[in-house]
C-alpha atoms as a PDB file:
ATOM      1  CA  MET A   1      27.324 -30.460 -40.176  1.00  0.00           C
ATOM      2  CA  SER A   2      30.727 -28.873 -39.616  1.00  0.00           C
ATOM      3  CA  ASP A   3      31.431 -31.361 -36.822  1.00  0.00           C
ATOM      4  CA  ILE A   4      31.069 -34.388 -39.104  1.00  0.00           C
ATOM      5  CA  PRO A   5      34.353 -33.903 -41.035  1.00  0.00           C
ATOM      6  CA  ASP A   6      36.150 -33.266 -37.746  1.00  0.00           C
ATOM      7  CA  ALA A   7      34.660 -36.407 -36.241  1.00  0.00           C
ATOM      8  CA  LEU A   8      35.547 -38.582 -39.204  1.00  0.00           C
ATOM      9  CA  GLY A   9      39.003 -37.040 -39.278  1.00  0.00           C
ATOM     10  CA  SER A  10      39.472 -37.867 -35.601  1.00  0.00           C
ATOM     11  CA  ALA A  11      38.443 -41.468 -36.140  1.00  0.00           C
ATOM     12  CA  VAL A  12      40.733 -41.921 -39.139  1.00  0.00           C
ATOM     13  CA  GLU A  13      43.581 -40.171 -37.293  1.00  0.00           C
ATOM     14  CA  GLY A  14      43.156 -42.497 -34.354  1.00  0.00           C
ATOM     15  CA  VAL A  15      43.184 -45.594 -36.499  1.00  0.00           C
ATOM     16  CA  ALA A  16      46.185 -44.325 -38.438  1.00  0.00           C
ATOM     17  CA  MET A  17      48.129 -43.717 -35.245  1.00  0.00           C
ATOM     18  CA  ALA A  18      47.103 -47.107 -33.942  1.00  0.00           C
ATOM     19  CA  ARG A  19      48.153 -48.796 -37.190  1.00  0.00           C
ATOM     20  CA  VAL A  20      51.687 -47.455 -36.711  1.00  0.00           C
ATOM     21  CA  LEU A  21      51.862 -49.596 -33.599  1.00  0.00           C
ATOM     22  CA  GLU A  22      50.375 -52.672 -35.298  1.00  0.00           C
ATOM     23  CA  PRO A  23      52.781 -54.226 -37.828  1.00  0.00           C
ATOM     24  CA  LEU A  24      51.273 -56.571 -40.361  1.00  0.00           C
ATOM     25  CA  HIS A  25      53.845 -59.329 -40.099  1.00  0.00           C
ATOM     26  CA  GLY A  26      53.073 -62.274 -37.904  1.00  0.00           C
ATOM     27  CA  GLU A  27      49.391 -62.558 -38.811  1.00  0.00           C
ATOM     28  CA  LYS A  28      47.914 -65.534 -40.608  1.00  0.00           C
ATOM     29  CA  ARG A  29      46.886 -64.990 -44.191  1.00  0.00           C
ATOM     30  CA  GLY A  30      45.573 -66.973 -47.068  1.00  0.00           C
ATOM     31  CA  GLU A  31      47.946 -68.951 -49.239  1.00  0.00           C
ATOM     32  CA  ASP A  32      49.891 -66.627 -51.549  1.00  0.00           C
ATOM     33  CA  LYS A  33      50.137 -67.589 -55.192  1.00  0.00           C
ATOM     34  CA  PRO A  34      52.124 -65.932 -57.988  1.00  0.00           C
ATOM     35  CA  LEU A  35      49.793 -63.585 -59.871  1.00  0.00           C
ATOM     36  CA  ASP A  36      50.093 -61.198 -62.785  1.00  0.00           C
ATOM     37  CA  HIS A  37      48.171 -57.969 -63.487  1.00  0.00           C
ATOM     38  CA  GLY A  38      50.080 -55.747 -61.115  1.00  0.00           C
ATOM     39  CA  HIS A  39      50.827 -58.295 -58.397  1.00  0.00           C
ATOM     40  CA  PHE A  40      54.335 -59.035 -57.227  1.00  0.00           C
ATOM     41  CA  ALA A  41      55.548 -62.625 -57.105  1.00  0.00           C
ATOM     42  CA  GLU A  42      59.193 -62.484 -56.157  1.00  0.00           C
ATOM     43  CA  SER A  43      61.802 -64.936 -54.937  1.00  0.00           C
ATOM     44  CA  ALA A  44      63.625 -62.232 -52.929  1.00  0.00           C
ATOM     45  CA  CYS A  45      62.271 -59.595 -50.581  1.00  0.00           C
ATOM     46  CA  LEU A  46      61.702 -56.296 -52.366  1.00  0.00           C
ATOM     47  CA  ASN A  47      62.540 -54.402 -49.181  1.00  0.00           C
ATOM     48  CA  CYS A  48      65.831 -55.960 -48.042  1.00  0.00           C
ATOM     49  CA  SER A  49      66.635 -58.470 -50.858  1.00  0.00           C
ATOM     50  CA  ALA A  50      66.740 -61.439 -48.481  1.00  0.00           C
ATOM     51  CA  PRO A  51      65.690 -64.802 -50.018  1.00  0.00           C
ATOM     52  CA  LEU A  52      62.024 -65.601 -49.428  1.00  0.00           C
ATOM     53  CA  SER A  53      61.068 -68.930 -47.919  1.00  0.00           C
ATOM     54  CA  GLY A  54      57.487 -68.198 -46.836  1.00  0.00           C
ATOM     55  CA  PRO A  55      54.699 -65.615 -46.907  1.00  0.00           C
ATOM     56  CA  PHE A  56      56.870 -63.117 -44.957  1.00  0.00           C
ATOM     57  CA  CYS A  57      60.499 -62.064 -45.164  1.00  0.00           C
ATOM     58  CA  SER A  58      62.513 -63.735 -42.408  1.00  0.00           C
ATOM     59  CA  GLU A  59      64.770 -60.664 -42.106  1.00  0.00           C
ATOM     60  CA  CYS A  60      62.491 -57.607 -42.098  1.00  0.00           C
ATOM     61  CA  GLY A  61      59.000 -59.094 -41.838  1.00  0.00           C
ATOM     62  CA  GLN A  62      57.617 -57.552 -45.043  1.00  0.00           C
ATOM     63  CA  PRO A  63      54.940 -59.660 -46.779  1.00  0.00           C
ATOM     64  CA  ALA A  64      56.322 -61.635 -49.698  1.00  0.00           C
ATOM     65  CA  HIS A  65      53.245 -61.037 -51.805  1.00  0.00           C
ATOM     66  CA  LEU A  66      52.630 -57.348 -52.533  1.00  0.00           C
ATOM     67  CA  HIS A  67      49.905 -55.670 -54.564  1.00  0.00           C
ATOM     68  CA  ARG A  68      50.370 -52.641 -56.788  1.00  0.00           C
ATOM     69  CA  THR A  69      46.917 -52.128 -58.233  1.00  0.00           C
ATOM     70  CA  PHE A  70      44.573 -49.257 -57.402  1.00  0.00           C
ATOM     71  CA  ALA A  71      41.935 -51.730 -56.229  1.00  0.00           C
ATOM     72  CA  ALA A  72      44.448 -53.189 -53.795  1.00  0.00           C
ATOM     73  CA  PHE A  73      45.303 -49.693 -52.582  1.00  0.00           C
ATOM     74  CA  MET A  74      41.649 -48.883 -51.900  1.00  0.00           C
ATOM     75  CA  HIS A  75      41.274 -52.230 -50.139  1.00  0.00           C
ATOM     76  CA  ASP A  76      44.175 -51.324 -47.855  1.00  0.00           C
ATOM     77  CA  VAL A  77      42.585 -47.932 -47.103  1.00  0.00           C
ATOM     78  CA  ALA A  78      39.233 -49.499 -46.198  1.00  0.00           C
ATOM     79  CA  HIS A  79      41.002 -52.258 -44.291  1.00  0.00           C
ATOM     80  CA  GLY A  80      42.981 -49.796 -42.204  1.00  0.00           C
ATOM     81  CA  VAL A  81      40.111 -47.385 -41.511  1.00  0.00           C
ATOM     82  CA  LEU A  82      37.383 -49.891 -40.695  1.00  0.00           C
ATOM     83  CA  HIS A  83      39.343 -52.314 -38.549  1.00  0.00           C
ATOM     84  CA  LEU A  84      42.829 -52.960 -37.230  1.00  0.00           C
ATOM     85  CA  ASP A  85      43.186 -56.141 -39.262  1.00  0.00           C
ATOM     86  CA  GLY A  86      41.473 -59.296 -38.012  1.00  0.00           C
ATOM     87  CA  LYS A  87      43.052 -58.877 -34.602  1.00  0.00           C
ATOM     88  CA  THR A  88      40.326 -56.453 -33.499  1.00  0.00           C
ATOM     89  CA  TRP A  89      37.630 -59.095 -33.573  1.00  0.00           C
ATOM     90  CA  ARG A  90      39.761 -61.389 -31.429  1.00  0.00           C
ATOM     91  CA  THR A  91      40.795 -58.651 -29.011  1.00  0.00           C
ATOM     92  CA  LEU A  92      37.500 -56.881 -28.271  1.00  0.00           C
ATOM     93  CA  PRO A  93      35.571 -59.960 -27.056  1.00  0.00           C
ATOM     94  CA  MET A  94      38.539 -60.906 -24.880  1.00  0.00           C
ATOM     95  CA  LEU A  95      38.766 -57.358 -23.537  1.00  0.00           C
ATOM     96  CA  ALA A  96      35.063 -57.363 -22.642  1.00  0.00           C
ATOM     97  CA  LEU A  97      34.695 -60.863 -21.187  1.00  0.00           C
ATOM     98  CA  HIS A  98      38.185 -62.097 -20.284  1.00  0.00           C
ATOM     99  CA  PRO A  99      40.377 -58.999 -19.836  1.00  0.00           C
ATOM    100  CA  GLY A 100      42.710 -60.740 -17.406  1.00  0.00           C
ATOM    101  CA  GLN A 101      43.437 -63.534 -19.864  1.00  0.00           C
ATOM    102  CA  LEU A 102      44.035 -61.017 -22.642  1.00  0.00           C
ATOM    103  CA  THR A 103      46.500 -59.031 -20.537  1.00  0.00           C
ATOM    104  CA  ARG A 104      48.304 -62.115 -19.250  1.00  0.00           C
ATOM    105  CA  ARG A 105      48.586 -63.692 -22.703  1.00  0.00           C
ATOM    106  CA  TYR A 106      49.876 -60.471 -24.219  1.00  0.00           C
ATOM    107  CA  ILE A 107      52.471 -60.056 -21.460  1.00  0.00           C
ATOM    108  CA  ASP A 108      53.531 -63.683 -21.839  1.00  0.00           C
ATOM    109  CA  GLY A 109      54.286 -63.172 -25.530  1.00  0.00           C
ATOM    110  CA  GLU A 110      51.117 -63.678 -27.606  1.00  0.00           C
ATOM    111  CA  ARG A 111      51.488 -60.438 -29.516  1.00  0.00           C
ATOM    112  CA  ALA A 112      50.519 -61.212 -33.109  1.00  0.00           C
ATOM    113  CA  ARG A 113      47.033 -62.453 -32.213  1.00  0.00           C
ATOM    114  CA  PHE A 114      45.865 -59.321 -30.384  1.00  0.00           C
ATOM    115  CA  VAL A 115      45.777 -55.552 -30.847  1.00  0.00           C
ATOM    116  CA  SER A 116      48.500 -54.022 -28.711  1.00  0.00           C
ATOM    117  CA  PRO A 117      47.406 -52.066 -25.610  1.00  0.00           C
ATOM    118  CA  MET A 118      48.555 -48.674 -26.902  1.00  0.00           C
ATOM    119  CA  ALA A 119      46.980 -49.173 -30.326  1.00  0.00           C
ATOM    120  CA  LEU A 120      43.671 -50.133 -28.730  1.00  0.00           C
ATOM    121  CA  PHE A 121      43.903 -47.198 -26.333  1.00  0.00           C
ATOM    122  CA  LEU A 122      44.446 -44.715 -29.180  1.00  0.00           C
ATOM    123  CA  PHE A 123      41.657 -46.270 -31.214  1.00  0.00           C
ATOM    124  CA  SER A 124      39.167 -46.142 -28.315  1.00  0.00           C
ATOM    125  CA  VAL A 125      39.960 -42.530 -27.389  1.00  0.00           C
ATOM    126  CA  PHE A 126      39.745 -41.224 -30.949  1.00  0.00           C
ATOM    127  CA  LEU A 127      36.595 -43.258 -31.574  1.00  0.00           C
ATOM    128  CA  MET A 128      34.900 -41.827 -28.483  1.00  0.00           C
ATOM    129  CA  PHE A 129      35.645 -38.212 -29.356  1.00  0.00           C
ATOM    130  CA  ALA A 130      34.708 -38.756 -32.997  1.00  0.00           C
ATOM    131  CA  ALA A 131      31.368 -40.193 -31.889  1.00  0.00           C
ATOM    132  CA  PHE A 132      30.808 -37.289 -29.500  1.00  0.00           C
ATOM    133  CA  HIS A 133      31.462 -34.824 -32.333  1.00  0.00           C
ATOM    134  CA  LEU A 134      28.974 -36.591 -34.585  1.00  0.00           C
ATOM    135  CA  MET A 135      26.338 -36.676 -31.857  1.00  0.00           C
ATOM    136  CA  GLY A 136      26.919 -33.052 -30.849  1.00  0.00           C
ATOM    137  CA  ILE A 137      27.831 -33.969 -27.274  1.00  0.00           C
ATOM    138  CA  GLY A 138      29.890 -31.428 -25.378  1.00  0.00           C
ATOM    139  CA  PRO A 139      30.257 -27.651 -25.298  1.00  0.00           C
ATOM    140  CA  ARG A 140      30.237 -25.741 -28.554  1.00  0.00           C
ATOM    141  CA  GLY A 141      33.541 -24.707 -30.045  1.00  0.00           C
ATOM    142  CA  ASP A 142      32.326 -21.468 -31.655  1.00  0.00           C
ATOM    143  CA  LEU A 143      31.653 -19.626 -28.404  1.00  0.00           C
ATOM    144  CA  LYS A 144      33.171 -16.176 -28.138  1.00  0.00           C
ATOM    145  CA  ALA A 145      34.388 -14.687 -24.921  1.00  0.00           C
ATOM    146  CA  PRO A 146      32.237 -11.701 -23.880  1.00  0.00           C
ATOM    147  CA  ALA A 147      35.211  -9.904 -22.453  1.00  0.00           C
ATOM    148  CA  GLN A 148      38.954  -9.635 -22.404  1.00  0.00           C
ATOM    149  CA  VAL A 149      39.924 -10.988 -18.982  1.00  0.00           C
ATOM    150  CA  THR A 150      42.927  -9.736 -17.091  1.00  0.00           C
ATOM    151  CA  SER A 151      44.627 -11.211 -14.036  1.00  0.00           C
ATOM    152  CA  LYS A 152      44.629  -7.806 -12.325  1.00  0.00           C
ATOM    153  CA  ALA A 153      41.685  -5.772 -11.169  1.00  0.00           C
ATOM    154  CA  LEU A 154      40.799  -2.811 -13.387  1.00  0.00           C
ATOM    155  CA  SER A 155      38.911  -1.193 -10.530  1.00  0.00           C
ATOM    156  CA  GLN A 156      37.157  -2.144  -7.311  1.00  0.00           C
ATOM    157  CA  ASP A 157      33.821  -1.324  -5.708  1.00  0.00           C
ATOM    158  CA  GLY A 158      33.365  -3.037  -2.372  1.00  0.00           C
ATOM    159  CA  ASP A 159      33.554  -6.792  -2.904  1.00  0.00           C
ATOM    160  CA  LYS A 160      33.015  -6.395  -6.642  1.00  0.00           C
ATOM    161  CA  VAL A 161      36.247  -6.384  -8.612  1.00  0.00           C
ATOM    162  CA  VAL A 162      36.295  -5.465 -12.305  1.00  0.00           C
ATOM    163  CA  LEU A 163      38.297  -8.210 -14.022  1.00  0.00           C
ATOM    164  CA  ALA A 164      37.042  -7.803 -17.577  1.00  0.00           C
ATOM    165  CA  GLU A 165      35.570  -5.318 -19.988  1.00  0.00           C
ATOM    166  CA  ASN A 166      33.986  -5.410 -23.416  1.00  0.00           C
ATOM    167  CA  GLY A 167      32.489  -3.007 -25.896  1.00  0.00           C
ATOM    168  CA  ASP A 168      29.417  -2.394 -23.761  1.00  0.00           C
ATOM    169  CA  GLY A 169      31.440  -1.386 -20.751  1.00  0.00           C
ATOM    170  CA  LYS A 170      33.055  -3.002 -17.770  1.00  0.00           C
ATOM    171  CA  VAL A 171      31.945  -6.415 -16.534  1.00  0.00           C
ATOM    172  CA  ARG A 172      31.805  -6.725 -12.759  1.00  0.00           C
ATOM    173  CA  LEU A 173      32.780 -10.118 -11.322  1.00  0.00           C
ATOM    174  CA  THR A 174      33.294 -11.235  -7.776  1.00  0.00           C
ATOM    175  CA  ALA A 175      36.953 -12.132  -7.533  1.00  0.00           C
ATOM    176  CA  VAL A 176      38.390 -14.979  -5.483  1.00  0.00           C
ATOM    177  CA  ARG A 177      41.682 -14.038  -3.902  1.00  0.00           C
ATOM    178  CA  THR A 178      43.968 -17.048  -3.455  1.00  0.00           C
ATOM    179  CA  GLY A 179      47.305 -15.273  -3.276  1.00  0.00           C
ATOM    180  CA  SER A 180      48.436 -16.880  -6.535  1.00  0.00           C
ATOM    181  CA  ALA A 181      48.285 -14.745  -9.670  1.00  0.00           C
ATOM    182  CA  PHE A 182      48.105 -17.881 -11.841  1.00  0.00           C
ATOM    183  CA  VAL A 183      45.140 -19.337  -9.938  1.00  0.00           C
ATOM    184  CA  ASP A 184      43.335 -15.995  -9.747  1.00  0.00           C
ATOM    185  CA  HIS A 185      43.776 -15.523 -13.497  1.00  0.00           C
ATOM    186  CA  GLY A 186      42.361 -18.995 -14.159  1.00  0.00           C
ATOM    187  CA  ILE A 187      39.329 -18.378 -11.956  1.00  0.00           C
ATOM    188  CA  ALA A 188      38.715 -15.091 -13.746  1.00  0.00           C
ATOM    189  CA  LYS A 189      38.769 -16.800 -17.139  1.00  0.00           C
ATOM    190  CA  TRP A 190      36.252 -19.413 -15.974  1.00  0.00           C
ATOM    191  CA  GLN A 191      33.992 -16.668 -14.607  1.00  0.00           C
ATOM    192  CA  ALA A 192      34.157 -14.626 -17.789  1.00  0.00           C
ATOM    193  CA  ASN A 193      33.425 -17.454 -20.238  1.00  0.00           C
ATOM    194  CA  PRO A 194      32.695 -20.905 -18.762  1.00  0.00           C
ATOM    195  CA  GLY A 195      31.482 -22.220 -22.120  1.00  0.00           C
ATOM    196  CA  LEU A 196      34.792 -21.562 -23.834  1.00  0.00           C
ATOM    197  CA  MET A 197      36.742 -23.006 -20.929  1.00  0.00           C
ATOM    198  CA  LEU A 198      34.609 -26.173 -20.978  1.00  0.00           C
ATOM    199  CA  TYR A 199      35.349 -26.541 -24.665  1.00  0.00           C
ATOM    200  CA  LYS A 200      39.076 -26.199 -24.000  1.00  0.00           C
ATOM    201  CA  LEU A 201      38.746 -28.744 -21.199  1.00  0.00           C
ATOM    202  CA  GLN A 202      37.158 -31.253 -23.558  1.00  0.00           C
ATOM    203  CA  SER A 203      39.746 -30.578 -26.253  1.00  0.00           C
ATOM    204  CA  ASN A 204      42.637 -31.016 -23.844  1.00  0.00           C
ATOM    205  CA  SER A 205      41.172 -34.230 -22.447  1.00  0.00           C
ATOM    206  CA  TYR A 206      41.304 -35.588 -26.001  1.00  0.00           C
ATOM    207  CA  LYS A 207      44.867 -34.418 -26.640  1.00  0.00           C
ATOM    208  CA  PHE A 208      46.334 -35.400 -23.288  1.00  0.00           C
ATOM    209  CA  SER A 209      44.374 -38.570 -22.517  1.00  0.00           C
ATOM    210  CA  TRP A 210      47.663 -40.508 -22.663  1.00  0.00           C
ATOM    211  CA  LEU A 211      48.616 -38.822 -19.370  1.00  0.00           C
ATOM    212  CA  LEU A 212      46.232 -41.228 -17.634  1.00  0.00           C
ATOM    213  CA  ILE A 213      48.718 -44.053 -18.200  1.00  0.00           C
ATOM    214  CA  PRO A 214      51.782 -42.599 -16.404  1.00  0.00           C
ATOM    215  CA  LEU A 215      49.520 -41.105 -13.716  1.00  0.00           C
ATOM    216  CA  SER A 216      48.053 -44.549 -12.975  1.00  0.00           C
ATOM    217  CA  LEU A 217      51.256 -46.582 -12.981  1.00  0.00           C
ATOM    218  CA  PRO A 218      52.576 -45.571  -9.511  1.00  0.00           C
ATOM    219  CA  PHE A 219      49.292 -46.555  -7.863  1.00  0.00           C
ATOM    220  CA  VAL A 220      49.156 -49.964  -9.548  1.00  0.00           C
ATOM    221  CA  TRP A 221      52.808 -50.537  -8.656  1.00  0.00           C
ATOM    222  CA  LEU A 222      51.983 -49.694  -5.038  1.00  0.00           C
ATOM    223  CA  ILE A 223      49.531 -52.566  -4.571  1.00  0.00           C
ATOM    224  CA  PHE A 224      52.034 -55.047  -6.056  1.00  0.00           C
ATOM    225  CA  ALA A 225      55.234 -53.544  -4.616  1.00  0.00           C
ATOM    226  CA  TRP A 226      56.151 -56.708  -2.709  1.00  0.00           C
ATOM    227  CA  ARG A 227      55.467 -59.021  -5.656  1.00  0.00           C
ATOM    228  CA  ARG A 228      58.699 -58.843  -7.624  1.00  0.00           C
ATOM    229  CA  ARG A 229      57.344 -61.106 -10.333  1.00  0.00           C
ATOM    230  CA  PHE A 230      55.373 -58.177 -11.739  1.00  0.00           C
ATOM    231  CA  GLY A 231      57.225 -55.179 -13.132  1.00  0.00           C
ATOM    232  CA  LEU A 232      56.281 -51.850 -14.667  1.00  0.00           C
ATOM    233  CA  TYR A 233      55.760 -53.489 -18.056  1.00  0.00           C
ATOM    234  CA  ASP A 234      53.034 -55.726 -16.622  1.00  0.00           C
ATOM    235  CA  HIS A 235      51.392 -52.732 -14.955  1.00  0.00           C
ATOM    236  CA  ALA A 236      51.589 -50.631 -18.135  1.00  0.00           C
ATOM    237  CA  VAL A 237      49.840 -53.322 -20.193  1.00  0.00           C
ATOM    238  CA  PHE A 238      47.195 -53.755 -17.491  1.00  0.00           C
ATOM    239  CA  VAL A 239      46.552 -50.013 -17.141  1.00  0.00           C
ATOM    240  CA  THR A 240      46.403 -49.336 -20.878  1.00  0.00           C
ATOM    241  CA  TYR A 241      44.012 -52.188 -21.642  1.00  0.00           C
ATOM    242  CA  SER A 242      41.903 -51.170 -18.630  1.00  0.00           C
ATOM    243  CA  ILE A 243      41.576 -47.532 -19.734  1.00  0.00           C
ATOM    244  CA  ALA A 244      40.703 -48.647 -23.267  1.00  0.00           C
ATOM    245  CA  SER A 245      37.988 -50.976 -21.959  1.00  0.00           C
ATOM    246  CA  MET A 246      36.471 -48.268 -19.730  1.00  0.00           C
ATOM    247  CA  THR A 247      36.502 -45.817 -22.633  1.00  0.00           C
ATOM    248  CA  LEU A 248      34.682 -48.248 -24.897  1.00  0.00           C
ATOM    249  CA  LEU A 249      32.185 -49.080 -22.128  1.00  0.00           C
ATOM    250  CA  PHE A 250      31.478 -45.392 -21.561  1.00  0.00           C
ATOM    251  CA  LEU A 251      30.963 -44.886 -25.287  1.00  0.00           C
ATOM    252  CA  ALA A 252      28.614 -47.885 -25.501  1.00  0.00           C
ATOM    253  CA  LEU A 253      26.517 -46.638 -22.577  1.00  0.00           C
ATOM    254  CA  THR A 254      26.326 -43.150 -24.065  1.00  0.00           C
ATOM    255  CA  LEU A 255      25.155 -44.510 -27.420  1.00  0.00           C
ATOM    256  CA  ALA A 256      22.640 -46.759 -25.686  1.00  0.00           C
ATOM    257  CA  GLY A 257      21.217 -43.770 -23.830  1.00  0.00           C
ATOM    258  CA  LEU A 258      20.883 -41.768 -27.045  1.00  0.00           C
ATOM    259  CA  LEU A 259      19.074 -44.717 -28.636  1.00  0.00           C
ATOM    260  CA  GLY A 260      16.434 -44.490 -25.946  1.00  0.00           C
ATOM    261  CA  ILE A 261      17.378 -47.393 -23.695  1.00  0.00           C
ATOM    262  CA  SER A 262      15.955 -46.852 -20.226  1.00  0.00           C
ATOM    263  CA  SER A 263      18.180 -45.214 -17.635  1.00  0.00           C
ATOM    264  CA  GLY A 264      16.779 -47.741 -15.177  1.00  0.00           C
ATOM    265  CA  LEU A 265      18.804 -50.341 -17.046  1.00  0.00           C
ATOM    266  CA  LEU A 266      21.833 -48.226 -17.936  1.00  0.00           C
ATOM    267  CA  VAL A 267      22.508 -46.764 -14.490  1.00  0.00           C
ATOM    268  CA  PRO A 268      23.004 -50.146 -12.752  1.00  0.00           C
ATOM    269  CA  ILE A 269      25.248 -51.247 -15.622  1.00  0.00           C
ATOM    270  CA  ALA A 270      27.266 -48.031 -15.359  1.00  0.00           C
ATOM    271  CA  LEU A 271      27.681 -48.545 -11.616  1.00  0.00           C
ATOM    272  CA  PHE A 272      28.480 -52.245 -11.434  1.00  0.00           C
ATOM    273  CA  ALA A 273      29.982 -53.195 -14.813  1.00  0.00           C
ATOM    274  CA  PRO A 274      33.236 -51.228 -14.227  1.00  0.00           C
ATOM    275  CA  LEU A 275      33.638 -52.755 -10.749  1.00  0.00           C
ATOM    276  CA  ALA A 276      33.096 -56.283 -12.048  1.00  0.00           C
ATOM    277  CA  HIS A 277      35.391 -55.688 -15.008  1.00  0.00           C
ATOM    278  CA  ILE A 278      38.227 -54.335 -12.850  1.00  0.00           C
ATOM    279  CA  PHE A 279      37.888 -57.318 -10.487  1.00  0.00           C
ATOM    280  CA  VAL A 280      37.981 -59.871 -13.320  1.00  0.00           C
ATOM    281  CA  HIS A 281      40.803 -57.994 -15.006  1.00  0.00           C
ATOM    282  CA  VAL A 282      43.122 -57.704 -12.013  1.00  0.00           C
ATOM    283  CA  LYS A 283      42.372 -61.264 -10.881  1.00  0.00           C
ATOM    284  CA  GLY A 284      43.220 -62.788 -14.252  1.00  0.00           C
ATOM    285  CA  ALA A 285      46.085 -60.507 -15.235  1.00  0.00           C
ATOM    286  CA  TYR A 286      47.962 -61.031 -11.973  1.00  0.00           C
ATOM    287  CA  GLU A 287      46.689 -64.580 -11.309  1.00  0.00           C
ATOM    288  CA  LEU A 288      45.299 -63.686  -7.881  1.00  0.00           C
ATOM    289  CA  ARG A 289      43.021 -65.468  -5.468  1.00  0.00           C
ATOM    290  CA  THR A 290      39.552 -64.029  -4.933  1.00  0.00           C
ATOM    291  CA  LEU A 291      40.219 -62.185  -1.648  1.00  0.00           C
ATOM    292  CA  SER A 292      43.500 -60.800  -2.940  1.00  0.00           C
ATOM    293  CA  ALA A 293      41.749 -59.541  -6.069  1.00  0.00           C
ATOM    294  CA  LEU A 294      38.882 -58.057  -4.030  1.00  0.00           C
ATOM    295  CA  TRP A 295      40.966 -55.801  -1.812  1.00  0.00           C
ATOM    296  CA  ARG A 296      43.093 -54.707  -4.751  1.00  0.00           C
ATOM    297  CA  THR A 297      39.923 -53.879  -6.679  1.00  0.00           C
ATOM    298  CA  GLY A 298      38.787 -51.676  -3.798  1.00  0.00           C
ATOM    299  CA  ALA A 299      42.169 -49.972  -3.694  1.00  0.00           C
ATOM    300  CA  LEU A 300      42.097 -49.419  -7.457  1.00  0.00           C
ATOM    301  CA  ILE A 301      38.663 -47.771  -7.229  1.00  0.00           C
ATOM    302  CA  VAL A 302      40.060 -45.270  -4.713  1.00  0.00           C
ATOM    303  CA  PHE A 303      43.165 -44.706  -6.840  1.00  0.00           C
ATOM    304  CA  ILE A 304      41.043 -44.175  -9.958  1.00  0.00           C
ATOM    305  CA  GLY A 305      39.284 -41.324  -8.160  1.00  0.00           C
ATOM    306  CA  ILE A 306      42.627 -39.790  -7.191  1.00  0.00           C
ATOM    307  CA  VAL A 307      43.974 -40.090 -10.738  1.00  0.00           C
ATOM    308  CA  ALA A 308      40.776 -38.551 -12.129  1.00  0.00           C
ATOM    309  CA  VAL A 309      41.147 -35.528  -9.843  1.00  0.00           C
ATOM    310  CA  ILE A 310      44.823 -35.081 -10.746  1.00  0.00           C
ATOM    311  CA  PHE A 311      44.021 -35.409 -14.456  1.00  0.00           C
ATOM    312  CA  ALA A 312      41.156 -32.888 -14.203  1.00  0.00           C
ATOM    313  CA  LEU A 313      43.378 -30.389 -12.394  1.00  0.00           C
ATOM    314  CA  ALA A 314      46.060 -30.822 -15.052  1.00  0.00           C
ATOM    315  CA  LEU A 315      43.501 -30.168 -17.790  1.00  0.00           C
ATOM    316  CA  ILE A 316      42.215 -27.062 -16.013  1.00  0.00           C
ATOM    317  CA  ALA A 317      45.764 -25.777 -15.652  1.00  0.00           C
ATOM    318  CA  LEU A 318      46.449 -26.424 -19.350  1.00  0.00           C
ATOM    319  CA  GLY A 319      43.247 -24.593 -20.278  1.00  0.00           C
ATOM    320  CA  THR A 320      44.231 -21.630 -18.121  1.00  0.00           C
ATOM    321  CA  VAL A 321      47.636 -21.357 -19.766  1.00  0.00           C
ATOM    322  CA  GLY A 322      46.268 -21.709 -23.295  1.00  0.00           C
END
């Protein structure tokens, strides 16, 4: 039960962070009418004092009609926690079925209709880890190390090197000598308590998931280096939407497996759905022909593997330092 508050906190934290990136102005709303009982009905903006000529201030973008009742406050809380305004229900179907169109339309300036890439990325990552906490997936966080590990040998007996000791005496572990004190220390920590290190690996993957974006950008730039029409901004939007979609797909497949759906159905989906999605995404986002999109999809699959290895090594290094 202790994981449930943490999971809910993670979900709310993710939505809150995403909401910072999603301003309210620019979205369609119902017709505002002057009301009493705690509702504002002003002729000038209460934020910057500019004259109001519509439902939003033309200077700062603040809504002209503001609520100051407790019911309105609770509505805003529920509205922010449960969905990122109405834009979510327009963005998610596009992300699943027409990711290339979504990316291209966002790059071309349709911003108010869709959840921004970074907001959706934050929401998907926090949602995944919150769900994993609730479902008890992953290594336990209350594991205790059986020994205090040192980077130097306490003693040596043949090929057995004492790297740790606890109250019951010395723990003998086979050491791997790499010539690097940092690497040797990290290996020793993994040998002494793999459960704790796995927990730190999961925790760091949650905290540093944003590193996937800058790690991916050089590889995407590489396959479009001779197409000057597309710049780093285009690639950043593409990469961020793509990571968010893969995160949500992974979460959906995990939930489906826990609900008892046959692995005979889930495994083919897990293998082919990402490939098809990447192909459709890159083809639509960069307006490519089929063959051009196919070879770039193959290149992206290879690059995804490289990025995953680099990211995993970075997480292991962070866990060793911590």
